[in-house]
């Protein structure tokens, strides 16, 4: 059927919002903040390094940062117990 591919997000800061359509050819635009002028772009894990280098060379891009969402601990089971035990130690 379908194979699951690992994907990563990139945060792309723009000088002008009108250039947001140009970024869509590099991956899937998930969110566009018009007020803060940034895009959240998702693409395959294998393409992250070369796409970051290519986007940072564009004159309409201010800055490119990787998303660290995958590195956040999302194991919430028992987290209340861990918090209580830390308070007892302190």
PDB file of N, CA and C in Angstrom:
ATOM      1  N   UNK A   1       0.838  -1.173   0.000  1.00  0.00           N
ATOM      2  CA  UNK A   1       0.000   0.000   0.000  1.00  0.00           C
ATOM      3  C   UNK A   1       0.889   1.244   0.000  1.00  0.00           C
ATOM      4  N   UNK A   2       0.837   2.035   1.040  1.00  0.00           N
ATOM      5  CA  UNK A   2       1.655   3.236   1.116  1.00  0.00           C
ATOM      6  C   UNK A   2       2.785   3.041   2.106  1.00  0.00           C
ATOM      7  N   UNK A   3       3.927   3.612   1.803  1.00  0.00           N
ATOM      8  CA  UNK A   3       5.046   3.592   2.727  1.00  0.00           C
ATOM      9  C   UNK A   3       5.109   4.924   3.448  1.00  0.00           C
ATOM     10  N   UNK A   4       5.391   4.853   4.731  1.00  0.00           N
ATOM     11  CA  UNK A   4       5.489   6.076   5.523  1.00  0.00           C
ATOM     12  C   UNK A   4       6.894   6.648   5.383  1.00  0.00           C
ATOM     13  N   UNK A   5       6.985   7.902   4.979  1.00  0.00           N
ATOM     14  CA  UNK A   5       8.280   8.554   4.817  1.00  0.00           C
ATOM     15  C   UNK A   5       8.462   9.547   5.941  1.00  0.00           C
ATOM     16  N   UNK A   6       9.688   9.663   6.401  1.00  0.00           N
ATOM     17  CA  UNK A   6       9.968  10.634   7.461  1.00  0.00           C
ATOM     18  C   UNK A   6      10.085  12.020   6.841  1.00  0.00           C
ATOM     19  N   UNK A   7       9.421  12.967   7.474  1.00  0.00           N
ATOM     20  CA  UNK A   7       9.400  14.336   6.975  1.00  0.00           C
ATOM     21  C   UNK A   7       9.855  15.279   8.074  1.00  0.00           C
ATOM     22  N   UNK A   8      10.346  16.424   7.674  1.00  0.00           N
ATOM     23  CA  UNK A   8      10.782  17.437   8.625  1.00  0.00           C
ATOM     24  C   UNK A   8      10.290  18.792   8.157  1.00  0.00           C
ATOM     25  N   UNK A   9      10.065  19.662   9.120  1.00  0.00           N
ATOM     26  CA  UNK A   9       9.599  20.994   8.804  1.00  0.00           C
ATOM     27  C   UNK A   9      10.744  21.988   8.745  1.00  0.00           C
ATOM     28  N   UNK A  10      10.575  22.985   7.914  1.00  0.00           N
ATOM     29  CA  UNK A  10      11.500  24.108   7.838  1.00  0.00           C
ATOM     30  C   UNK A  10      10.713  25.384   8.056  1.00  0.00           C
ATOM     31  N   UNK A  11      11.273  26.286   8.819  1.00  0.00           N
ATOM     32  CA  UNK A  11      10.669  27.594   9.011  1.00  0.00           C
ATOM     33  C   UNK A  11      11.425  28.556   8.115  1.00  0.00           C
ATOM     34  N   UNK A  12      10.721  29.164   7.174  1.00  0.00           N
ATOM     35  CA  UNK A  12      11.329  30.049   6.188  1.00  0.00           C
ATOM     36  C   UNK A  12      10.812  31.460   6.432  1.00  0.00           C
ATOM     37  N   UNK A  13      11.710  32.367   6.805  1.00  0.00           N
ATOM     38  CA  UNK A  13      11.356  33.768   7.022  1.00  0.00           C
ATOM     39  C   UNK A  13      11.546  34.543   5.717  1.00  0.00           C
ATOM     40  N   UNK A  14      10.556  35.342   5.368  1.00  0.00           N
ATOM     41  CA  UNK A  14      10.564  36.080   4.108  1.00  0.00           C
ATOM     42  C   UNK A  14      10.688  37.576   4.345  1.00  0.00           C
ATOM     43  N   UNK A  15      11.169  38.263   3.329  1.00  0.00           N
ATOM     44  CA  UNK A  15      11.162  39.720   3.368  1.00  0.00           C
ATOM     45  C   UNK A  15       9.767  40.262   3.031  1.00  0.00           C
ATOM     46  N   UNK A  16       9.132  39.653   2.039  1.00  0.00           N
ATOM     47  CA  UNK A  16       7.807  40.093   1.600  1.00  0.00           C
ATOM     48  C   UNK A  16       6.894  38.880   1.450  1.00  0.00           C
ATOM     49  N   UNK A  17       5.634  39.054   1.791  1.00  0.00           N
ATOM     50  CA  UNK A  17       4.657  37.963   1.695  1.00  0.00           C
ATOM     51  C   UNK A  17       4.361  37.564   0.260  1.00  0.00           C
ATOM     52  N   UNK A  18       4.571  38.438  -0.659  1.00  0.00           N
ATOM     53  CA  UNK A  18       4.257  38.124  -2.050  1.00  0.00           C
ATOM     54  C   UNK A  18       5.159  37.021  -2.608  1.00  0.00           C
ATOM     55  N   UNK A  19       6.272  36.730  -1.931  1.00  0.00           N
ATOM     56  CA  UNK A  19       7.192  35.697  -2.391  1.00  0.00           C
ATOM     57  C   UNK A  19       6.869  34.316  -1.843  1.00  0.00           C
ATOM     58  N   UNK A  20       5.754  34.167  -1.148  1.00  0.00           N
ATOM     59  CA  UNK A  20       5.402  32.882  -0.538  1.00  0.00           C
ATOM     60  C   UNK A  20       5.129  31.812  -1.589  1.00  0.00           C
ATOM     61  N   UNK A  21       4.611  32.206  -2.740  1.00  0.00           N
ATOM     62  CA  UNK A  21       4.328  31.227  -3.791  1.00  0.00           C
ATOM     63  C   UNK A  21       5.607  30.627  -4.362  1.00  0.00           C
ATOM     64  N   UNK A  22       6.692  31.359  -4.325  1.00  0.00           N
ATOM     65  CA  UNK A  22       7.960  30.853  -4.854  1.00  0.00           C
ATOM     66  C   UNK A  22       8.509  29.718  -4.001  1.00  0.00           C
ATOM     67  N   UNK A  23       8.200  29.723  -2.720  1.00  0.00           N
ATOM     68  CA  UNK A  23       8.716  28.711  -1.800  1.00  0.00           C
ATOM     69  C   UNK A  23       7.951  27.400  -1.954  1.00  0.00           C
ATOM     70  N   UNK A  24       6.740  27.448  -2.463  1.00  0.00           N
ATOM     71  CA  UNK A  24       5.905  26.252  -2.538  1.00  0.00           C
ATOM     72  C   UNK A  24       6.471  25.182  -3.468  1.00  0.00           C
ATOM     73  N   UNK A  25       7.401  25.521  -4.334  1.00  0.00           N
ATOM     74  CA  UNK A  25       7.982  24.507  -5.214  1.00  0.00           C
ATOM     75  C   UNK A  25       9.008  23.634  -4.492  1.00  0.00           C
ATOM     76  N   UNK A  26       9.456  24.027  -3.298  1.00  0.00           N
ATOM     77  CA  UNK A  26      10.440  23.258  -2.542  1.00  0.00           C
ATOM     78  C   UNK A  26       9.810  22.194  -1.646  1.00  0.00           C
ATOM     79  N   UNK A  27       8.539  22.329  -1.316  1.00  0.00           N
ATOM     80  CA  UNK A  27       7.869  21.363  -0.456  1.00  0.00           C
ATOM     81  C   UNK A  27       6.420  21.755  -0.246  1.00  0.00           C
ATOM     82  N   UNK A  28       5.806  21.159   0.769  1.00  0.00           N
ATOM     83  CA  UNK A  28       4.407  21.434   1.076  1.00  0.00           C
ATOM     84  C   UNK A  28       4.310  22.546   2.109  1.00  0.00           C
ATOM     85  N   UNK A  29       3.645  23.632   1.757  1.00  0.00           N
ATOM     86  CA  UNK A  29       3.461  24.748   2.692  1.00  0.00           C
ATOM     87  C   UNK A  29       2.323  24.379   3.634  1.00  0.00           C
ATOM     88  N   UNK A  30       2.651  24.277   4.902  1.00  0.00           N
ATOM     89  CA  UNK A  30       1.660  23.888   5.897  1.00  0.00           C
ATOM     90  C   UNK A  30       0.996  25.106   6.522  1.00  0.00           C
ATOM     91  N   UNK A  31       1.753  26.170   6.743  1.00  0.00           N
ATOM     92  CA  UNK A  31       1.216  27.369   7.383  1.00  0.00           C
ATOM     93  C   UNK A  31       1.963  28.584   6.867  1.00  0.00           C
ATOM     94  N   UNK A  32       1.251  29.684   6.707  1.00  0.00           N
ATOM     95  CA  UNK A  32       1.847  30.953   6.293  1.00  0.00           C
ATOM     96  C   UNK A  32       1.343  32.046   7.224  1.00  0.00           C
ATOM     97  N   UNK A  33       2.241  32.626   7.992  1.00  0.00           N
ATOM     98  CA  UNK A  33       1.889  33.741   8.857  1.00  0.00           C
ATOM     99  C   UNK A  33       2.155  35.034   8.100  1.00  0.00           C
ATOM    100  N   UNK A  34       1.101  35.698   7.722  1.00  0.00           N
ATOM    101  CA  UNK A  34       1.273  36.928   6.957  1.00  0.00           C
ATOM    102  C   UNK A  34       1.740  38.079   7.828  1.00  0.00           C
ATOM    103  N   UNK A  35       1.352  38.069   9.079  1.00  0.00           N
ATOM    104  CA  UNK A  35       1.750  39.165   9.968  1.00  0.00           C
ATOM    105  C   UNK A  35       3.233  39.088  10.322  1.00  0.00           C
ATOM    106  N   UNK A  36       3.715  37.871  10.614  1.00  0.00           N
ATOM    107  CA  UNK A  36       5.114  37.708  10.999  1.00  0.00           C
ATOM    108  C   UNK A  36       6.015  37.309   9.827  1.00  0.00           C
ATOM    109  N   UNK A  37       5.433  37.111   8.649  1.00  0.00           N
ATOM    110  CA  UNK A  37       6.137  36.827   7.401  1.00  0.00           C
ATOM    111  C   UNK A  37       7.049  35.609   7.490  1.00  0.00           C
ATOM    112  N   UNK A  38       6.442  34.472   7.822  1.00  0.00           N
ATOM    113  CA  UNK A  38       7.183  33.219   7.758  1.00  0.00           C
ATOM    114  C   UNK A  38       6.276  32.110   7.253  1.00  0.00           C
ATOM    115  N   UNK A  39       6.903  31.043   6.770  1.00  0.00           N
ATOM    116  CA  UNK A  39       6.211  29.865   6.257  1.00  0.00           C
ATOM    117  C   UNK A  39       6.691  28.640   7.006  1.00  0.00           C
ATOM    118  N   UNK A  40       5.796  27.695   7.213  1.00  0.00           N
ATOM    119  CA  UNK A  40       6.170  26.387   7.719  1.00  0.00           C
ATOM    120  C   UNK A  40       6.074  25.421   6.550  1.00  0.00           C
ATOM    121  N   UNK A  41       7.217  24.892   6.163  1.00  0.00           N
ATOM    122  CA  UNK A  41       7.339  24.078   4.965  1.00  0.00           C
ATOM    123  C   UNK A  41       7.722  22.665   5.363  1.00  0.00           C
ATOM    124  N   UNK A  42       7.022  21.657   4.851  1.00  0.00           N
ATOM    125  CA  UNK A  42       7.346  20.258   5.128  1.00  0.00           C
ATOM    126  C   UNK A  42       7.899  19.599   3.880  1.00  0.00           C
ATOM    127  N   UNK A  43       8.962  18.803   4.065  1.00  0.00           N
ATOM    128  CA  UNK A  43       9.566  18.076   2.978  1.00  0.00           C
ATOM    129  C   UNK A  43      10.207  16.797   3.495  1.00  0.00           C
ATOM    130  N   UNK A  44      10.635  15.921   2.599  1.00  0.00           N
ATOM    131  CA  UNK A  44      11.225  14.651   2.987  1.00  0.00           C
ATOM    132  C   UNK A  44      12.544  14.870   3.716  1.00  0.00           C
ATOM    133  N   UNK A  45      12.837  13.973   4.643  1.00  0.00           N
ATOM    134  CA  UNK A  45      14.022  14.086   5.489  1.00  0.00           C
ATOM    135  C   UNK A  45      15.313  14.092   4.661  1.00  0.00           C
ATOM    136  N   UNK A  46      15.349  13.354   3.563  1.00  0.00           N
ATOM    137  CA  UNK A  46      16.560  13.266   2.747  1.00  0.00           C
ATOM    138  C   UNK A  46      16.883  14.577   2.043  1.00  0.00           C
ATOM    139  N   UNK A  47      15.892  15.412   1.829  1.00  0.00           N
ATOM    140  CA  UNK A  47      16.069  16.635   1.050  1.00  0.00           C
ATOM    141  C   UNK A  47      16.300  17.874   1.906  1.00  0.00           C
ATOM    142  N   UNK A  48      16.374  17.727   3.215  1.00  0.00           N
ATOM    143  CA  UNK A  48      16.397  18.889   4.103  1.00  0.00           C
ATOM    144  C   UNK A  48      17.662  19.729   3.930  1.00  0.00           C
ATOM    145  N   UNK A  49      18.822  19.097   3.959  1.00  0.00           N
ATOM    146  CA  UNK A  49      20.087  19.840   3.915  1.00  0.00           C
ATOM    147  C   UNK A  49      20.252  20.610   2.611  1.00  0.00           C
ATOM    148  N   UNK A  50      19.995  19.955   1.485  1.00  0.00           N
ATOM    149  CA  UNK A  50      20.181  20.632   0.206  1.00  0.00           C
ATOM    150  C   UNK A  50      19.126  21.714  -0.010  1.00  0.00           C
ATOM    151  N   UNK A  51      17.919  21.496   0.490  1.00  0.00           N
ATOM    152  CA  UNK A  51      16.871  22.509   0.344  1.00  0.00           C
ATOM    153  C   UNK A  51      17.162  23.722   1.219  1.00  0.00           C
ATOM    154  N   UNK A  52      17.681  23.485   2.435  1.00  0.00           N
ATOM    155  CA  UNK A  52      18.055  24.613   3.296  1.00  0.00           C
ATOM    156  C   UNK A  52      19.135  25.459   2.644  1.00  0.00           C
ATOM    157  N   UNK A  53      20.131  24.809   2.053  1.00  0.00           N
ATOM    158  CA  UNK A  53      21.206  25.540   1.377  1.00  0.00           C
ATOM    159  C   UNK A  53      20.678  26.306   0.174  1.00  0.00           C
ATOM    160  N   UNK A  54      19.775  25.685  -0.570  1.00  0.00           N
ATOM    161  CA  UNK A  54      19.229  26.328  -1.764  1.00  0.00           C
ATOM    162  C   UNK A  54      18.322  27.506  -1.399  1.00  0.00           C
ATOM    163  N   UNK A  55      17.502  27.329  -0.355  1.00  0.00           N
ATOM    164  CA  UNK A  55      16.600  28.419   0.052  1.00  0.00           C
ATOM    165  C   UNK A  55      17.358  29.596   0.647  1.00  0.00           C
ATOM    166  N   UNK A  56      18.419  29.321   1.388  1.00  0.00           N
ATOM    167  CA  UNK A  56      19.158  30.423   2.005  1.00  0.00           C
ATOM    168  C   UNK A  56      19.896  31.265   0.968  1.00  0.00           C
ATOM    169  N   UNK A  57      20.111  30.720  -0.236  1.00  0.00           N
ATOM    170  CA  UNK A  57      20.753  31.474  -1.307  1.00  0.00           C
ATOM    171  C   UNK A  57      19.777  32.387  -2.056  1.00  0.00           C
ATOM    172  N   UNK A  58      18.486  32.168  -1.882  1.00  0.00           N
ATOM    173  CA  UNK A  58      17.492  32.982  -2.579  1.00  0.00           C
ATOM    174  C   UNK A  58      17.451  34.387  -1.981  1.00  0.00           C
ATOM    175  N   UNK A  59      17.263  35.385  -2.822  1.00  0.00           N
ATOM    176  CA  UNK A  59      17.305  36.766  -2.345  1.00  0.00           C
ATOM    177  C   UNK A  59      16.024  37.198  -1.642  1.00  0.00           C
ATOM    178  N   UNK A  60      14.932  36.456  -1.812  1.00  0.00           N
ATOM    179  CA  UNK A  60      13.687  36.811  -1.139  1.00  0.00           C
ATOM    180  C   UNK A  60      13.548  36.161   0.230  1.00  0.00           C
ATOM    181  N   UNK A  61      14.509  35.303   0.629  1.00  0.00           N
ATOM    182  CA  UNK A  61      14.470  34.604   1.907  1.00  0.00           C
ATOM    183  C   UNK A  61      15.393  35.300   2.893  1.00  0.00           C
ATOM    184  N   UNK A  62      14.853  35.614   4.054  1.00  0.00           N
ATOM    185  CA  UNK A  62      15.637  36.254   5.104  1.00  0.00           C
ATOM    186  C   UNK A  62      16.435  35.235   5.900  1.00  0.00           C
ATOM    187  N   UNK A  63      15.774  34.138   6.311  1.00  0.00           N
ATOM    188  CA  UNK A  63      16.425  33.138   7.150  1.00  0.00           C
ATOM    189  C   UNK A  63      15.678  31.805   7.016  1.00  0.00           C
ATOM    190  N   UNK A  64      16.417  30.701   7.178  1.00  0.00           N
ATOM    191  CA  UNK A  64      15.829  29.364   7.138  1.00  0.00           C
ATOM    192  C   UNK A  64      16.287  28.614   8.383  1.00  0.00           C
ATOM    193  N   UNK A  65      15.326  28.050   9.130  1.00  0.00           N
ATOM    194  CA  UNK A  65      15.633  27.287  10.336  1.00  0.00           C
ATOM    195  C   UNK A  65      14.927  25.936  10.281  1.00  0.00           C
ATOM    196  N   UNK A  66      15.571  24.891  10.779  1.00  0.00           N
ATOM    197  CA  UNK A  66      14.874  23.594  10.839  1.00  0.00           C
ATOM    198  C   UNK A  66      13.912  23.564  12.020  1.00  0.00           C
ATOM    199  N   UNK A  67      12.868  22.777  11.889  1.00  0.00           N
ATOM    200  CA  UNK A  67      11.906  22.603  12.966  1.00  0.00           C
ATOM    201  C   UNK A  67      12.388  21.485  13.879  1.00  0.00           C
ATOM    202  N   UNK A  68      12.336  21.698  15.185  1.00  0.00           N
ATOM    203  CA  UNK A  68      12.779  20.711  16.148  1.00  0.00           C
ATOM    204  C   UNK A  68      11.602  19.982  16.786  1.00  0.00           C
ATOM    205  N   UNK A  69      10.496  19.870  16.090  1.00  0.00           N
ATOM    206  CA  UNK A  69       9.295  19.248  16.624  1.00  0.00           C
ATOM    207  C   UNK A  69       9.507  17.765  16.919  1.00  0.00           C
ATOM    208  N   UNK A  70      10.302  17.083  16.104  1.00  0.00           N
ATOM    209  CA  UNK A  70      10.540  15.653  16.317  1.00  0.00           C
ATOM    210  C   UNK A  70      11.390  15.376  17.549  1.00  0.00           C
ATOM    211  N   UNK A  71      12.147  16.346  18.013  1.00  0.00           N
ATOM    212  CA  UNK A  71      13.014  16.163  19.170  1.00  0.00           C
ATOM    213  C   UNK A  71      12.312  16.423  20.495  1.00  0.00           C
ATOM    214  N   UNK A  72      11.083  16.919  20.472  1.00  0.00           N
ATOM    215  CA  UNK A  72      10.334  17.201  21.688  1.00  0.00           C
ATOM    216  C   UNK A  72       9.793  15.895  22.254  1.00  0.00           C
ATOM    217  N   UNK A  73       9.908  15.724  23.575  1.00  0.00           N
ATOM    218  CA  UNK A  73       9.398  14.531  24.230  1.00  0.00           C
ATOM    219  C   UNK A  73       7.876  14.596  24.280  1.00  0.00           C
ATOM    220  N   UNK A  74       7.227  13.659  23.596  1.00  0.00           N
ATOM    221  CA  UNK A  74       5.765  13.645  23.565  1.00  0.00           C
ATOM    222  C   UNK A  74       5.207  12.470  24.350  1.00  0.00           C
ATOM    223  N   UNK A  75       5.985  11.903  25.246  1.00  0.00           N
ATOM    224  CA  UNK A  75       5.521  10.822  26.097  1.00  0.00           C
ATOM    225  C   UNK A  75       4.866  11.444  27.329  1.00  0.00           C
ATOM    226  N   UNK A  76       3.553  11.574  27.284  1.00  0.00           N
ATOM    227  CA  UNK A  76       2.838  12.256  28.350  1.00  0.00           C
ATOM    228  C   UNK A  76       2.299  11.307  29.410  1.00  0.00           C
ATOM    229  N   UNK A  77       2.404  10.016  29.189  1.00  0.00           N
ATOM    230  CA  UNK A  77       1.904   9.046  30.155  1.00  0.00           C
ATOM    231  C   UNK A  77       2.852   9.029  31.344  1.00  0.00           C
ATOM    232  N   UNK A  78       2.322   9.310  32.517  1.00  0.00           N
ATOM    233  CA  UNK A  78       3.142   9.333  33.720  1.00  0.00           C
ATOM    234  C   UNK A  78       3.899  10.627  33.927  1.00  0.00           C
ATOM    235  N   UNK A  79       3.648  11.629  33.132  1.00  0.00           N
ATOM    236  CA  UNK A  79       4.389  12.874  33.280  1.00  0.00           C
ATOM    237  C   UNK A  79       4.005  13.597  34.567  1.00  0.00           C
ATOM    238  N   UNK A  80       2.776  13.426  35.042  1.00  0.00           N
ATOM    239  CA  UNK A  80       2.363  14.040  36.296  1.00  0.00           C
ATOM    240  C   UNK A  80       3.123  13.411  37.460  1.00  0.00           C
ATOM    241  N   UNK A  81       3.330  12.110  37.390  1.00  0.00           N
ATOM    242  CA  UNK A  81       4.078  11.417  38.437  1.00  0.00           C
ATOM    243  C   UNK A  81       5.531  11.884  38.437  1.00  0.00           C
ATOM    244  N   UNK A  82       6.120  12.067  37.266  1.00  0.00           N
ATOM    245  CA  UNK A  82       7.503  12.536  37.190  1.00  0.00           C
ATOM    246  C   UNK A  82       7.635  13.939  37.773  1.00  0.00           C
ATOM    247  N   UNK A  83       6.643  14.791  37.548  1.00  0.00           N
ATOM    248  CA  UNK A  83       6.679  16.163  38.056  1.00  0.00           C
ATOM    249  C   UNK A  83       6.570  16.177  39.569  1.00  0.00           C
ATOM    250  N   UNK A  84       5.726  15.331  40.129  1.00  0.00           N
ATOM    251  CA  UNK A  84       5.572  15.266  41.586  1.00  0.00           C
ATOM    252  C   UNK A  84       6.832  14.757  42.258  1.00  0.00           C
ATOM    253  N   UNK A  85       7.500  13.790  41.636  1.00  0.00           N
ATOM    254  CA  UNK A  85       8.717  13.262  42.236  1.00  0.00           C
ATOM    255  C   UNK A  85       9.841  14.283  42.205  1.00  0.00           C
ATOM    256  N   UNK A  86       9.869  15.149  41.193  1.00  0.00           N
ATOM    257  CA  UNK A  86      10.882  16.191  41.129  1.00  0.00           C
ATOM    258  C   UNK A  86      10.647  17.245  42.205  1.00  0.00           C
ATOM    259  N   UNK A  87       9.380  17.550  42.490  1.00  0.00           N
ATOM    260  CA  UNK A  87       9.075  18.527  43.521  1.00  0.00           C
ATOM    261  C   UNK A  87       9.459  18.023  44.905  1.00  0.00           C
ATOM    262  N   UNK A  88       9.324  16.723  45.163  1.00  0.00           N
ATOM    263  CA  UNK A  88       9.691  16.150  46.453  1.00  0.00           C
ATOM    264  C   UNK A  88      11.182  16.195  46.688  1.00  0.00           C
ATOM    265  N   UNK A  89      11.959  16.046  45.611  1.00  0.00           N
ATOM    266  CA  UNK A  89      13.414  16.063  45.728  1.00  0.00           C
ATOM    267  C   UNK A  89      13.891  17.480  46.048  1.00  0.00           C
ATOM    268  N   UNK A  90      13.276  18.467  45.469  1.00  0.00           N
ATOM    269  CA  UNK A  90      13.704  19.857  45.680  1.00  0.00           C
ATOM    270  C   UNK A  90      13.143  20.322  46.962  1.00  0.00           C
TER     271      UNK A  90
END
